[in-house]
PDB file of N, CA and C in Angstrom:
ATOM      1  N   UNK A   1     -15.204   0.910  35.481  1.00  0.00           N
ATOM      2  CA  UNK A   1     -13.962   0.681  34.790  1.00  0.00           C
ATOM      3  C   UNK A   1     -14.189   0.935  33.294  1.00  0.00           C
ATOM      4  N   UNK A   2     -13.260   1.615  32.655  1.00  0.00           N
ATOM      5  CA  UNK A   2     -13.397   1.892  31.234  1.00  0.00           C
ATOM      6  C   UNK A   2     -12.666   0.837  30.422  1.00  0.00           C
ATOM      7  N   UNK A   3     -13.232   0.536  29.259  1.00  0.00           N
ATOM      8  CA  UNK A   3     -12.597  -0.422  28.371  1.00  0.00           C
ATOM      9  C   UNK A   3     -11.537   0.292  27.547  1.00  0.00           C
ATOM     10  N   UNK A   4     -10.456  -0.398  27.219  1.00  0.00           N
ATOM     11  CA  UNK A   4      -9.448   0.240  26.384  1.00  0.00           C
ATOM     12  C   UNK A   4     -10.021   0.525  25.005  1.00  0.00           C
ATOM     13  N   UNK A   5      -9.701   1.699  24.471  1.00  0.00           N
ATOM     14  CA  UNK A   5     -10.230   2.044  23.165  1.00  0.00           C
ATOM     15  C   UNK A   5      -9.471   1.284  22.081  1.00  0.00           C
ATOM     16  N   UNK A   6     -10.173   0.991  21.023  1.00  0.00           N
ATOM     17  CA  UNK A   6      -9.574   0.277  19.903  1.00  0.00           C
ATOM     18  C   UNK A   6      -8.875   1.280  18.994  1.00  0.00           C
ATOM     19  N   UNK A   7      -7.739   0.906  18.512  1.00  0.00           N
ATOM     20  CA  UNK A   7      -6.987   1.780  17.601  1.00  0.00           C
ATOM     21  C   UNK A   7      -7.759   1.921  16.292  1.00  0.00           C
ATOM     22  N   UNK A   8      -7.872   3.149  15.815  1.00  0.00           N
ATOM     23  CA  UNK A   8      -8.531   3.403  14.546  1.00  0.00           C
ATOM     24  C   UNK A   8      -7.509   3.938  13.557  1.00  0.00           C
ATOM     25  N   UNK A   9      -7.579   3.432  12.332  1.00  0.00           N
ATOM     26  CA  UNK A   9      -6.670   3.849  11.274  1.00  0.00           C
ATOM     27  C   UNK A   9      -7.486   4.285  10.069  1.00  0.00           C
ATOM     28  N   UNK A  10      -6.968   5.235   9.292  1.00  0.00           N
ATOM     29  CA  UNK A  10      -7.692   5.631   8.087  1.00  0.00           C
ATOM     30  C   UNK A  10      -7.584   4.551   7.004  1.00  0.00           C
ATOM     31  N   UNK A  11      -8.687   4.302   6.341  1.00  0.00           N
ATOM     32  CA  UNK A  11      -8.707   3.346   5.234  1.00  0.00           C
ATOM     33  C   UNK A  11      -7.791   3.877   4.132  1.00  0.00           C
ATOM     34  N   UNK A  12      -6.857   3.055   3.623  1.00  0.00           N
ATOM     35  CA  UNK A  12      -5.951   3.524   2.579  1.00  0.00           C
ATOM     36  C   UNK A  12      -6.670   3.929   1.292  1.00  0.00           C
ATOM     37  N   UNK A  13      -7.873   3.429   1.089  1.00  0.00           N
ATOM     38  CA  UNK A  13      -8.586   3.724  -0.150  1.00  0.00           C
ATOM     39  C   UNK A  13      -9.466   4.962  -0.044  1.00  0.00           C
ATOM     40  N   UNK A  14     -10.286   5.047   1.008  1.00  0.00           N
ATOM     41  CA  UNK A  14     -11.264   6.145   1.093  1.00  0.00           C
ATOM     42  C   UNK A  14     -11.022   7.105   2.256  1.00  0.00           C
ATOM     43  N   UNK A  15     -10.187   6.721   3.212  1.00  0.00           N
ATOM     44  CA  UNK A  15      -9.869   7.603   4.332  1.00  0.00           C
ATOM     45  C   UNK A  15     -10.788   7.481   5.535  1.00  0.00           C
ATOM     46  N   UNK A  16     -11.853   6.697   5.445  1.00  0.00           N
ATOM     47  CA  UNK A  16     -12.749   6.489   6.574  1.00  0.00           C
ATOM     48  C   UNK A  16     -12.004   5.775   7.698  1.00  0.00           C
ATOM     49  N   UNK A  17     -12.237   6.185   8.939  1.00  0.00           N
ATOM     50  CA  UNK A  17     -11.590   5.507  10.062  1.00  0.00           C
ATOM     51  C   UNK A  17     -12.170   4.112  10.233  1.00  0.00           C
ATOM     52  N   UNK A  18     -11.286   3.135  10.369  1.00  0.00           N
ATOM     53  CA  UNK A  18     -11.724   1.757  10.605  1.00  0.00           C
ATOM     54  C   UNK A  18     -10.953   1.207  11.795  1.00  0.00           C
ATOM     55  N   UNK A  19     -11.577   0.283  12.502  1.00  0.00           N
ATOM     56  CA  UNK A  19     -10.957  -0.283  13.700  1.00  0.00           C
ATOM     57  C   UNK A  19      -9.917  -1.320  13.327  1.00  0.00           C
ATOM     58  N   UNK A  20      -8.759  -1.213  13.973  1.00  0.00           N
ATOM     59  CA  UNK A  20      -7.679  -2.174  13.769  1.00  0.00           C
ATOM     60  C   UNK A  20      -7.822  -3.254  14.832  1.00  0.00           C
ATOM     61  N   UNK A  21      -8.575  -4.275  14.500  1.00  0.00           N
ATOM     62  CA  UNK A  21      -8.796  -5.384  15.426  1.00  0.00           C
ATOM     63  C   UNK A  21      -9.050  -6.658  14.630  1.00  0.00           C
ATOM     64  N   UNK A  22      -8.833  -7.808  15.219  1.00  0.00           N
ATOM     65  CA  UNK A  22      -8.999  -9.075  14.496  1.00  0.00           C
ATOM     66  C   UNK A  22     -10.399  -9.265  13.902  1.00  0.00           C
ATOM     67  N   UNK A  23     -11.410  -8.672  14.528  1.00  0.00           N
ATOM     68  CA  UNK A  23     -12.771  -8.823  14.032  1.00  0.00           C
ATOM     69  C   UNK A  23     -12.987  -8.111  12.697  1.00  0.00           C
ATOM     70  N   UNK A  24     -12.153  -7.129  12.392  1.00  0.00           N
ATOM     71  CA  UNK A  24     -12.250  -6.421  11.111  1.00  0.00           C
ATOM     72  C   UNK A  24     -11.440  -7.208  10.089  1.00  0.00           C
ATOM     73  N   UNK A  25     -12.096  -8.088   9.355  1.00  0.00           N
ATOM     74  CA  UNK A  25     -11.391  -8.982   8.443  1.00  0.00           C
ATOM     75  C   UNK A  25     -10.835  -8.269   7.213  1.00  0.00           C
ATOM     76  N   UNK A  26     -11.178  -6.982   7.004  1.00  0.00           N
ATOM     77  CA  UNK A  26     -10.676  -6.231   5.856  1.00  0.00           C
ATOM     78  C   UNK A  26      -9.574  -5.261   6.246  1.00  0.00           C
ATOM     79  N   UNK A  27      -9.134  -5.255   7.511  1.00  0.00           N
ATOM     80  CA  UNK A  27      -8.164  -4.257   7.952  1.00  0.00           C
ATOM     81  C   UNK A  27      -6.922  -4.264   7.090  1.00  0.00           C
ATOM     82  N   UNK A  28      -6.334  -3.181   6.767  1.00  0.00           N
ATOM     83  CA  UNK A  28      -6.582  -1.837   7.262  1.00  0.00           C
ATOM     84  C   UNK A  28      -7.707  -1.114   6.519  1.00  0.00           C
ATOM     85  N   UNK A  29      -8.369  -1.805   5.600  1.00  0.00           N
ATOM     86  CA  UNK A  29      -9.456  -1.188   4.853  1.00  0.00           C
ATOM     87  C   UNK A  29     -10.729  -1.184   5.682  1.00  0.00           C
ATOM     88  N   UNK A  30     -11.669  -0.310   5.316  1.00  0.00           N
ATOM     89  CA  UNK A  30     -12.922  -0.217   6.076  1.00  0.00           C
ATOM     90  C   UNK A  30     -13.941  -1.231   5.598  1.00  0.00           C
ATOM     91  N   UNK A  31     -13.788  -1.748   4.387  1.00  0.00           N
ATOM     92  CA  UNK A  31     -14.771  -2.680   3.841  1.00  0.00           C
ATOM     93  C   UNK A  31     -14.140  -3.555   2.770  1.00  0.00           C
ATOM     94  N   UNK A  32     -14.870  -4.573   2.399  1.00  0.00           N
ATOM     95  CA  UNK A  32     -14.419  -5.453   1.326  1.00  0.00           C
ATOM     96  C   UNK A  32     -14.324  -4.672   0.013  1.00  0.00           C
ATOM     97  N   UNK A  33     -15.239  -3.748  -0.197  1.00  0.00           N
ATOM     98  CA  UNK A  33     -15.254  -2.929  -1.408  1.00  0.00           C
ATOM     99  C   UNK A  33     -13.935  -2.170  -1.563  1.00  0.00           C
ATOM    100  N   UNK A  34     -13.496  -1.474  -0.507  1.00  0.00           N
ATOM    101  CA  UNK A  34     -12.249  -0.714  -0.576  1.00  0.00           C
ATOM    102  C   UNK A  34     -11.051  -1.639  -0.789  1.00  0.00           C
ATOM    103  N   UNK A  35     -11.080  -2.806  -0.180  1.00  0.00           N
ATOM    104  CA  UNK A  35      -9.980  -3.755  -0.343  1.00  0.00           C
ATOM    105  C   UNK A  35      -9.898  -4.230  -1.797  1.00  0.00           C
ATOM    106  N   UNK A  36     -11.053  -4.500  -2.419  1.00  0.00           N
ATOM    107  CA  UNK A  36     -11.066  -4.959  -3.797  1.00  0.00           C
ATOM    108  C   UNK A  36     -10.677  -3.852  -4.776  1.00  0.00           C
ATOM    109  N   UNK A  37     -11.077  -2.618  -4.488  1.00  0.00           N
ATOM    110  CA  UNK A  37     -10.673  -1.491  -5.329  1.00  0.00           C
ATOM    111  C   UNK A  37      -9.153  -1.367  -5.317  1.00  0.00           C
ATOM    112  N   UNK A  38      -8.551  -1.461  -4.133  1.00  0.00           N
ATOM    113  CA  UNK A  38      -7.101  -1.362  -3.998  1.00  0.00           C
ATOM    114  C   UNK A  38      -6.412  -2.509  -4.744  1.00  0.00           C
ATOM    115  N   UNK A  39      -6.928  -3.712  -4.609  1.00  0.00           N
ATOM    116  CA  UNK A  39      -6.359  -4.866  -5.304  1.00  0.00           C
ATOM    117  C   UNK A  39      -6.423  -4.656  -6.813  1.00  0.00           C
ATOM    118  N   UNK A  40      -7.538  -4.112  -7.292  1.00  0.00           N
ATOM    119  CA  UNK A  40      -7.680  -3.837  -8.716  1.00  0.00           C
ATOM    120  C   UNK A  40      -6.670  -2.815  -9.208  1.00  0.00           C
ATOM    121  N   UNK A  41      -6.371  -1.824  -8.392  1.00  0.00           N
ATOM    122  CA  UNK A  41      -5.367  -0.819  -8.766  1.00  0.00           C
ATOM    123  C   UNK A  41      -3.991  -1.454  -8.925  1.00  0.00           C
ATOM    124  N   UNK A  42      -3.650  -2.387  -8.039  1.00  0.00           N
ATOM    125  CA  UNK A  42      -2.373  -3.088  -8.174  1.00  0.00           C
ATOM    126  C   UNK A  42      -2.394  -3.973  -9.422  1.00  0.00           C
ATOM    127  N   UNK A  43      -3.522  -4.650  -9.675  1.00  0.00           N
ATOM    128  CA  UNK A  43      -3.610  -5.581 -10.803  1.00  0.00           C
ATOM    129  C   UNK A  43      -3.489  -4.873 -12.147  1.00  0.00           C
ATOM    130  N   UNK A  44      -4.066  -3.676 -12.270  1.00  0.00           N
ATOM    131  CA  UNK A  44      -3.965  -2.970 -13.556  1.00  0.00           C
ATOM    132  C   UNK A  44      -2.780  -2.011 -13.605  1.00  0.00           C
ATOM    133  N   UNK A  45      -1.890  -2.142 -12.632  1.00  0.00           N
ATOM    134  CA  UNK A  45      -0.641  -1.384 -12.552  1.00  0.00           C
ATOM    135  C   UNK A  45      -0.846   0.124 -12.436  1.00  0.00           C
ATOM    136  N   UNK A  46      -1.929   0.530 -11.776  1.00  0.00           N
ATOM    137  CA  UNK A  46      -2.130   1.952 -11.480  1.00  0.00           C
ATOM    138  C   UNK A  46      -1.119   2.424 -10.445  1.00  0.00           C
ATOM    139  N   UNK A  47      -0.722   1.528  -9.550  1.00  0.00           N
ATOM    140  CA  UNK A  47       0.294   1.845  -8.556  1.00  0.00           C
ATOM    141  C   UNK A  47       1.637   1.398  -9.116  1.00  0.00           C
ATOM    142  N   UNK A  48       2.603   2.292  -9.059  1.00  0.00           N
ATOM    143  CA  UNK A  48       3.941   1.945  -9.539  1.00  0.00           C
ATOM    144  C   UNK A  48       4.965   2.452  -8.552  1.00  0.00           C
ATOM    145  N   UNK A  49       6.009   1.701  -8.365  1.00  0.00           N
ATOM    146  CA  UNK A  49       7.112   2.109  -7.513  1.00  0.00           C
ATOM    147  C   UNK A  49       8.124   2.851  -8.372  1.00  0.00           C
ATOM    148  N   UNK A  50       8.640   3.970  -7.885  1.00  0.00           N
ATOM    149  CA  UNK A  50       9.613   4.712  -8.686  1.00  0.00           C
ATOM    150  C   UNK A  50      10.913   3.918  -8.844  1.00  0.00           C
ATOM    151  N   UNK A  51      11.452   3.976 -10.032  1.00  0.00           N
ATOM    152  CA  UNK A  51      12.698   3.271 -10.329  1.00  0.00           C
ATOM    153  C   UNK A  51      13.676   4.274 -10.907  1.00  0.00           C
ATOM    154  N   UNK A  52      14.891   4.252 -10.398  1.00  0.00           N
ATOM    155  CA  UNK A  52      15.927   5.125 -10.930  1.00  0.00           C
ATOM    156  C   UNK A  52      16.799   4.283 -11.851  1.00  0.00           C
ATOM    157  N   UNK A  53      16.855   4.687 -13.105  1.00  0.00           N
ATOM    158  CA  UNK A  53      17.662   3.961 -14.084  1.00  0.00           C
ATOM    159  C   UNK A  53      19.139   4.128 -13.748  1.00  0.00           C
ATOM    160  N   UNK A  54      19.935   3.077 -13.916  1.00  0.00           N
ATOM    161  CA  UNK A  54      21.367   3.190 -13.638  1.00  0.00           C
ATOM    162  C   UNK A  54      22.039   4.109 -14.650  1.00  0.00           C
ATOM    163  N   UNK A  55      23.144   4.717 -14.233  1.00  0.00           N
ATOM    164  CA  UNK A  55      23.916   5.597 -15.095  1.00  0.00           C
ATOM    165  C   UNK A  55      24.497   4.767 -16.241  1.00  0.00           C
ATOM    166  N   UNK A  56      24.403   5.272 -17.459  1.00  0.00           N
ATOM    167  CA  UNK A  56      24.872   4.546 -18.634  1.00  0.00           C
ATOM    168  C   UNK A  56      26.362   4.189 -18.573  1.00  0.00           C
ATOM    169  N   UNK A  57      27.175   5.081 -18.012  1.00  0.00           N
ATOM    170  CA  UNK A  57      28.610   4.858 -17.977  1.00  0.00           C
ATOM    171  C   UNK A  57      29.062   3.757 -17.035  1.00  0.00           C
ATOM    172  N   UNK A  58      28.282   3.428 -16.048  1.00  0.00           N
ATOM    173  CA  UNK A  58      28.708   2.466 -15.034  1.00  0.00           C
ATOM    174  C   UNK A  58      28.814   1.051 -15.606  1.00  0.00           C
ATOM    175  N   UNK A  59      27.846   0.607 -16.360  1.00  0.00           N
ATOM    176  CA  UNK A  59      27.841  -0.769 -16.880  1.00  0.00           C
ATOM    177  C   UNK A  59      28.165  -0.848 -18.360  1.00  0.00           C
ATOM    178  N   UNK A  60      28.769   0.174 -18.898  1.00  0.00           N
ATOM    179  CA  UNK A  60      29.074   0.213 -20.327  1.00  0.00           C
ATOM    180  C   UNK A  60      30.188  -0.774 -20.649  1.00  0.00           C
ATOM    181  N   UNK A  61      29.995  -1.606 -21.675  1.00  0.00           N
ATOM    182  CA  UNK A  61      31.037  -2.574 -22.036  1.00  0.00           C
ATOM    183  C   UNK A  61      32.280  -1.909 -22.628  1.00  0.00           C
ATOM    184  N   UNK A  62      32.182  -0.648 -23.088  1.00  0.00           N
ATOM    185  CA  UNK A  62      33.300   0.062 -23.675  1.00  0.00           C
ATOM    186  C   UNK A  62      34.224   0.675 -22.620  1.00  0.00           C
ATOM    187  N   UNK A  63      33.813   0.629 -21.375  1.00  0.00           N
ATOM    188  CA  UNK A  63      34.575   1.268 -20.301  1.00  0.00           C
ATOM    189  C   UNK A  63      35.840   0.474 -19.999  1.00  0.00           C
ATOM    190  N   UNK A  64      36.945   1.157 -19.904  1.00  0.00           N
ATOM    191  CA  UNK A  64      38.219   0.502 -19.578  1.00  0.00           C
ATOM    192  C   UNK A  64      38.317   0.311 -18.066  1.00  0.00           C
ATOM    193  N   UNK A  65      38.818  -0.820 -17.619  1.00  0.00           N
ATOM    194  CA  UNK A  65      39.041  -0.988 -16.208  1.00  0.00           C
ATOM    195  C   UNK A  65      38.776  -2.305 -15.767  1.00  0.00           C
TER     196      UNK A  65
END
């Protein structure tokens, strides 16, 4: 009888395949190192979400209506 294979996902930081299972305490990362590097990127604001500025005319106090 064959055992079911464990799902493998690429590490978001380095791309190495890591097992997605409860025993991998760093999932989806492959190691604690990659997890800490990613956390550091968020902390120093290297990762940013795109923001679209609202149109000036929509909330203008001079607008009649």
